[in-house]
Amino acid sequence: MAVAPRDERAEYGRVARALARCTLLPGCWDKRFSRAMSAIADVDPGWPFTERQRASLLRLAHKYRRQLKTEIIILAQDLAEAAAHTRETTS
């Protein structure tokens, strides 16, 4: 299931909100980053996450996959596949 480009912003926002609900170590970078991205997604759902922010969200979704719902894990995998496909086509 490929994600359409117009829906990517909202989909990355869903991943960010799900990560913000995970139990993370106090004061770690993962916790600060996921909460910041979740706050941005709540304030402005159309926020254009940078490529590095998107990659970090997907990395964290994989890292904390045991705490996330299955639908979020599948969504993150689809987003990672779409990102890899766009990198291949632009190279």
C-alpha atoms as a PDB file:
ATOM      1  CA  MET A   1       0.000   0.000   0.000  1.00  0.00           C
ATOM      2  CA  ALA A   2       1.808   3.097  -1.223  1.00  0.00           C
ATOM      3  CA  VAL A   3       1.155   6.434   0.417  1.00  0.00           C
ATOM      4  CA  ALA A   4       0.162   9.316  -1.849  1.00  0.00           C
ATOM      5  CA  PRO A   5       2.433  12.406  -1.594  1.00  0.00           C
ATOM      6  CA  ARG A   6      -0.428  14.677  -0.494  1.00  0.00           C
ATOM      7  CA  ASP A   7      -1.192  12.404   2.454  1.00  0.00           C
ATOM      8  CA  GLU A   8       2.409  12.021   3.632  1.00  0.00           C
ATOM      9  CA  ARG A   9       2.347  15.046   5.916  1.00  0.00           C
ATOM     10  CA  ALA A  10      -0.682  13.770   7.799  1.00  0.00           C
ATOM     11  CA  GLU A  11       0.745  10.248   7.941  1.00  0.00           C
ATOM     12  CA  TYR A  12       4.042  11.389   9.438  1.00  0.00           C
ATOM     13  CA  GLY A  13       1.986  13.393  11.934  1.00  0.00           C
ATOM     14  CA  ARG A  14       0.151  10.206  12.942  1.00  0.00           C
ATOM     15  CA  VAL A  15       3.477   8.453  13.527  1.00  0.00           C
ATOM     16  CA  ALA A  16       4.723  11.423  15.586  1.00  0.00           C
ATOM     17  CA  ARG A  17       1.583  11.454  17.757  1.00  0.00           C
ATOM     18  CA  ALA A  18       1.853   7.716  18.356  1.00  0.00           C
ATOM     19  CA  LEU A  19       5.506   8.021  19.366  1.00  0.00           C
ATOM     20  CA  ALA A  20       4.667  10.789  21.834  1.00  0.00           C
ATOM     21  CA  ARG A  21       2.450   8.315  23.714  1.00  0.00           C
ATOM     22  CA  CYS A  22       5.264   5.759  24.139  1.00  0.00           C
ATOM     23  CA  THR A  23       7.086   5.269  27.425  1.00  0.00           C
ATOM     24  CA  LEU A  24      10.605   6.605  26.966  1.00  0.00           C
ATOM     25  CA  LEU A  25      13.548   7.251  29.253  1.00  0.00           C
ATOM     26  CA  PRO A  26      13.384  10.643  30.985  1.00  0.00           C
ATOM     27  CA  GLY A  27      15.404  13.373  29.298  1.00  0.00           C
ATOM     28  CA  CYS A  28      16.487  11.307  26.295  1.00  0.00           C
ATOM     29  CA  TRP A  29      16.669  12.711  22.768  1.00  0.00           C
ATOM     30  CA  ASP A  30      13.982  10.299  21.542  1.00  0.00           C
ATOM     31  CA  LYS A  31      11.470  11.669  24.034  1.00  0.00           C
ATOM     32  CA  ARG A  32      12.200  15.341  23.318  1.00  0.00           C
ATOM     33  CA  PHE A  33      12.125  14.800  19.563  1.00  0.00           C
ATOM     34  CA  SER A  34       8.919  12.756  19.491  1.00  0.00           C
ATOM     35  CA  ARG A  35       7.104  15.235  21.733  1.00  0.00           C
ATOM     36  CA  ALA A  36       8.282  18.186  19.651  1.00  0.00           C
ATOM     37  CA  MET A  37       7.188  16.544  16.387  1.00  0.00           C
ATOM     38  CA  SER A  38       3.841  15.592  17.925  1.00  0.00           C
ATOM     39  CA  ALA A  39       3.271  19.174  19.070  1.00  0.00           C
ATOM     40  CA  ILE A  40       4.103  20.476  15.592  1.00  0.00           C
ATOM     41  CA  ALA A  41       1.730  17.947  14.003  1.00  0.00           C
ATOM     42  CA  ASP A  42      -1.055  18.999  16.399  1.00  0.00           C
ATOM     43  CA  VAL A  43      -0.605  22.727  15.755  1.00  0.00           C
ATOM     44  CA  ASP A  44      -0.124  22.513  11.985  1.00  0.00           C
ATOM     45  CA  PRO A  45      -1.207  19.205  10.371  1.00  0.00           C
ATOM     46  CA  GLY A  46       0.176  20.368   7.014  1.00  0.00           C
ATOM     47  CA  TRP A  47       3.673  20.942   8.406  1.00  0.00           C
ATOM     48  CA  PRO A  48       6.287  19.859   5.854  1.00  0.00           C
ATOM     49  CA  PHE A  49       8.628  17.641   7.875  1.00  0.00           C
ATOM     50  CA  THR A  50      12.184  17.732   6.587  1.00  0.00           C
ATOM     51  CA  GLU A  51      13.761  14.624   5.123  1.00  0.00           C
ATOM     52  CA  ARG A  52      15.874  14.185   8.235  1.00  0.00           C
ATOM     53  CA  GLN A  53      12.851  14.551  10.543  1.00  0.00           C
ATOM     54  CA  ARG A  54      10.925  11.980   8.508  1.00  0.00           C
ATOM     55  CA  ALA A  55      13.862   9.552   8.671  1.00  0.00           C
ATOM     56  CA  SER A  56      14.158  10.046  12.437  1.00  0.00           C
ATOM     57  CA  LEU A  57      10.434   9.430  12.939  1.00  0.00           C
ATOM     58  CA  LEU A  58      10.646   6.180  10.981  1.00  0.00           C
ATOM     59  CA  ARG A  59      13.764   5.104  12.896  1.00  0.00           C
ATOM     60  CA  LEU A  60      12.004   5.740  16.206  1.00  0.00           C
ATOM     61  CA  ALA A  61       8.880   3.927  15.012  1.00  0.00           C
ATOM     62  CA  HIS A  62      11.052   0.881  14.390  1.00  0.00           C
ATOM     63  CA  LYS A  63      12.891   1.271  17.694  1.00  0.00           C
ATOM     64  CA  TYR A  64       9.690   1.526  19.767  1.00  0.00           C
ATOM     65  CA  ARG A  65       7.562  -0.790  17.616  1.00  0.00           C
ATOM     66  CA  ARG A  66       6.599  -2.962  20.582  1.00  0.00           C
ATOM     67  CA  GLN A  67       4.785  -0.004  22.143  1.00  0.00           C
ATOM     68  CA  LEU A  68       2.984   1.081  18.961  1.00  0.00           C
ATOM     69  CA  LYS A  69      -0.248  -0.174  17.455  1.00  0.00           C
ATOM     70  CA  THR A  70       0.089  -2.496  14.486  1.00  0.00           C
ATOM     71  CA  GLU A  71      -1.517   0.030  12.132  1.00  0.00           C
ATOM     72  CA  ILE A  72       1.160   2.614  12.978  1.00  0.00           C
ATOM     73  CA  ILE A  73       3.935   0.070  12.410  1.00  0.00           C
ATOM     74  CA  ILE A  74       2.491  -0.855   9.014  1.00  0.00           C
ATOM     75  CA  LEU A  75       2.100   2.830   8.165  1.00  0.00           C
ATOM     76  CA  ALA A  76       5.735   3.509   9.092  1.00  0.00           C
ATOM     77  CA  GLN A  77       6.870   0.581   6.947  1.00  0.00           C
ATOM     78  CA  ASP A  78       4.843   1.887   4.000  1.00  0.00           C
ATOM     79  CA  LEU A  79       6.322   5.355   4.447  1.00  0.00           C
ATOM     80  CA  ALA A  80       9.844   3.898   4.586  1.00  0.00           C
ATOM     81  CA  GLU A  81       9.227   1.937   1.378  1.00  0.00           C
ATOM     82  CA  ALA A  82       7.846   5.041  -0.343  1.00  0.00           C
ATOM     83  CA  ALA A  83      10.867   7.078   0.760  1.00  0.00           C
ATOM     84  CA  ALA A  84      13.251   4.395  -0.514  1.00  0.00           C
ATOM     85  CA  HIS A  85      11.394   4.275  -3.827  1.00  0.00           C
ATOM     86  CA  THR A  86      11.629   8.049  -4.301  1.00  0.00           C
ATOM     87  CA  ARG A  87      15.351   7.951  -3.486  1.00  0.00           C
ATOM     88  CA  GLU A  88      15.847   5.253  -6.119  1.00  0.00           C
ATOM     89  CA  THR A  89      13.938   7.145  -8.798  1.00  0.00           C
ATOM     90  CA  THR A  90      15.745  10.430  -8.170  1.00  0.00           C
ATOM     91  CA  SER A  91      19.203   8.840  -8.233  1.00  0.00           C
END
